């Protein structure tokens, strides 16, 4: 295996490892609502959770009409 393939394999492995530690949008929305004092299961928490999850889904979605681009790797 040549060094460029080995380097790409190493970089992609490290990237995957780092991204897997980030958590999910659901857990981030839950943290947001519990950090401001809402108790899990209350009506206020449920409203907060749904709103934060929706906001995060909008943040990570593609803009209207935008197409994914192929990777450079």
C-alpha atoms as a PDB file:
ATOM      1  CA  UNK A   1       0.000   0.000   0.000  1.00  0.00           C
ATOM      2  CA  UNK A   2       1.484   3.341  -0.943  1.00  0.00           C
ATOM      3  CA  UNK A   3       1.752   6.207   1.525  1.00  0.00           C
ATOM      4  CA  UNK A   4      -1.033   8.359   0.016  1.00  0.00           C
ATOM      5  CA  UNK A   5      -3.606   5.573   0.381  1.00  0.00           C
ATOM      6  CA  UNK A   6      -2.418   4.911   3.900  1.00  0.00           C
ATOM      7  CA  UNK A   7      -2.691   8.620   4.749  1.00  0.00           C
ATOM      8  CA  UNK A   8      -6.239   8.817   3.357  1.00  0.00           C
ATOM      9  CA  UNK A   9      -7.233   5.737   5.335  1.00  0.00           C
ATOM     10  CA  UNK A  10      -5.793   7.202   8.535  1.00  0.00           C
ATOM     11  CA  UNK A  11      -7.454  10.602   8.044  1.00  0.00           C
ATOM     12  CA  UNK A  12     -10.844   9.066   7.253  1.00  0.00           C
ATOM     13  CA  UNK A  13     -10.618   6.756  10.273  1.00  0.00           C
ATOM     14  CA  UNK A  14      -9.812   9.637  12.602  1.00  0.00           C
ATOM     15  CA  UNK A  15     -12.598  11.774  11.129  1.00  0.00           C
ATOM     16  CA  UNK A  16     -15.126   8.991  11.639  1.00  0.00           C
ATOM     17  CA  UNK A  17     -13.978   8.520  15.212  1.00  0.00           C
ATOM     18  CA  UNK A  18     -14.256  12.242  16.005  1.00  0.00           C
ATOM     19  CA  UNK A  19     -17.688  12.600  14.399  1.00  0.00           C
ATOM     20  CA  UNK A  20     -19.085   9.595  16.222  1.00  0.00           C
ATOM     21  CA  UNK A  21     -18.287  11.290  19.536  1.00  0.00           C
ATOM     22  CA  UNK A  22     -20.406  14.333  18.684  1.00  0.00           C
ATOM     23  CA  UNK A  23     -23.727  12.764  19.632  1.00  0.00           C
ATOM     24  CA  UNK A  24     -27.048  13.095  17.917  1.00  0.00           C
ATOM     25  CA  UNK A  25     -29.417  15.967  17.304  1.00  0.00           C
ATOM     26  CA  UNK A  26     -31.858  14.317  19.709  1.00  0.00           C
ATOM     27  CA  UNK A  27     -29.373  14.198  22.567  1.00  0.00           C
ATOM     28  CA  UNK A  28     -28.293  17.789  21.901  1.00  0.00           C
ATOM     29  CA  UNK A  29     -31.918  18.972  21.962  1.00  0.00           C
ATOM     30  CA  UNK A  30     -32.453  17.075  25.210  1.00  0.00           C
ATOM     31  CA  UNK A  31     -29.358  18.682  26.750  1.00  0.00           C
ATOM     32  CA  UNK A  32     -30.530  22.134  25.670  1.00  0.00           C
ATOM     33  CA  UNK A  33     -33.887  21.741  27.396  1.00  0.00           C
ATOM     34  CA  UNK A  34     -32.599  20.119  30.582  1.00  0.00           C
ATOM     35  CA  UNK A  35     -29.804  22.678  30.913  1.00  0.00           C
ATOM     36  CA  UNK A  36     -32.338  25.511  31.216  1.00  0.00           C
ATOM     37  CA  UNK A  37     -34.247  23.690  33.939  1.00  0.00           C
ATOM     38  CA  UNK A  38     -37.018  21.723  32.246  1.00  0.00           C
ATOM     39  CA  UNK A  39     -37.778  18.337  33.804  1.00  0.00           C
ATOM     40  CA  UNK A  40     -38.042  15.412  31.376  1.00  0.00           C
ATOM     41  CA  UNK A  41     -41.667  14.438  30.830  1.00  0.00           C
ATOM     42  CA  UNK A  42     -43.279  17.779  31.651  1.00  0.00           C
ATOM     43  CA  UNK A  43     -45.363  19.539  28.989  1.00  0.00           C
ATOM     44  CA  UNK A  44     -42.905  22.447  28.871  1.00  0.00           C
ATOM     45  CA  UNK A  45     -39.991  20.081  28.313  1.00  0.00           C
ATOM     46  CA  UNK A  46     -41.829  18.295  25.502  1.00  0.00           C
ATOM     47  CA  UNK A  47     -42.536  21.605  23.749  1.00  0.00           C
ATOM     48  CA  UNK A  48     -38.936  22.744  24.217  1.00  0.00           C
ATOM     49  CA  UNK A  49     -37.566  19.417  22.941  1.00  0.00           C
ATOM     50  CA  UNK A  50     -39.696  19.446  19.796  1.00  0.00           C
ATOM     51  CA  UNK A  51     -38.787  23.068  19.049  1.00  0.00           C
ATOM     52  CA  UNK A  52     -35.034  22.523  19.571  1.00  0.00           C
ATOM     53  CA  UNK A  53     -35.062  19.324  17.511  1.00  0.00           C
ATOM     54  CA  UNK A  54     -36.823  21.131  14.663  1.00  0.00           C
ATOM     55  CA  UNK A  55     -34.299  23.995  14.825  1.00  0.00           C
ATOM     56  CA  UNK A  56     -31.367  21.589  14.711  1.00  0.00           C
ATOM     57  CA  UNK A  57     -32.873  19.703  11.768  1.00  0.00           C
ATOM     58  CA  UNK A  58     -33.190  23.005   9.909  1.00  0.00           C
ATOM     59  CA  UNK A  59     -29.589  23.914  10.779  1.00  0.00           C
ATOM     60  CA  UNK A  60     -28.218  20.681   9.316  1.00  0.00           C
ATOM     61  CA  UNK A  61     -30.465  20.376   6.256  1.00  0.00           C
ATOM     62  CA  UNK A  62     -29.450  21.527   2.785  1.00  0.00           C
ATOM     63  CA  UNK A  63     -30.813  24.849   1.543  1.00  0.00           C
ATOM     64  CA  UNK A  64     -33.754  24.552  -0.888  1.00  0.00           C
ATOM     65  CA  UNK A  65     -32.562  23.699  -4.395  1.00  0.00           C
ATOM     66  CA  UNK A  66     -29.031  22.836  -3.286  1.00  0.00           C
ATOM     67  CA  UNK A  67     -27.648  19.504  -4.441  1.00  0.00           C
ATOM     68  CA  UNK A  68     -24.998  17.535  -2.602  1.00  0.00           C
ATOM     69  CA  UNK A  69     -21.583  17.801  -4.201  1.00  0.00           C
ATOM     70  CA  UNK A  70     -19.323  14.802  -4.741  1.00  0.00           C
ATOM     71  CA  UNK A  71     -16.509  14.353  -2.272  1.00  0.00           C
ATOM     72  CA  UNK A  72     -13.012  15.448  -3.220  1.00  0.00           C
ATOM     73  CA  UNK A  73     -11.487  12.298  -1.748  1.00  0.00           C
END
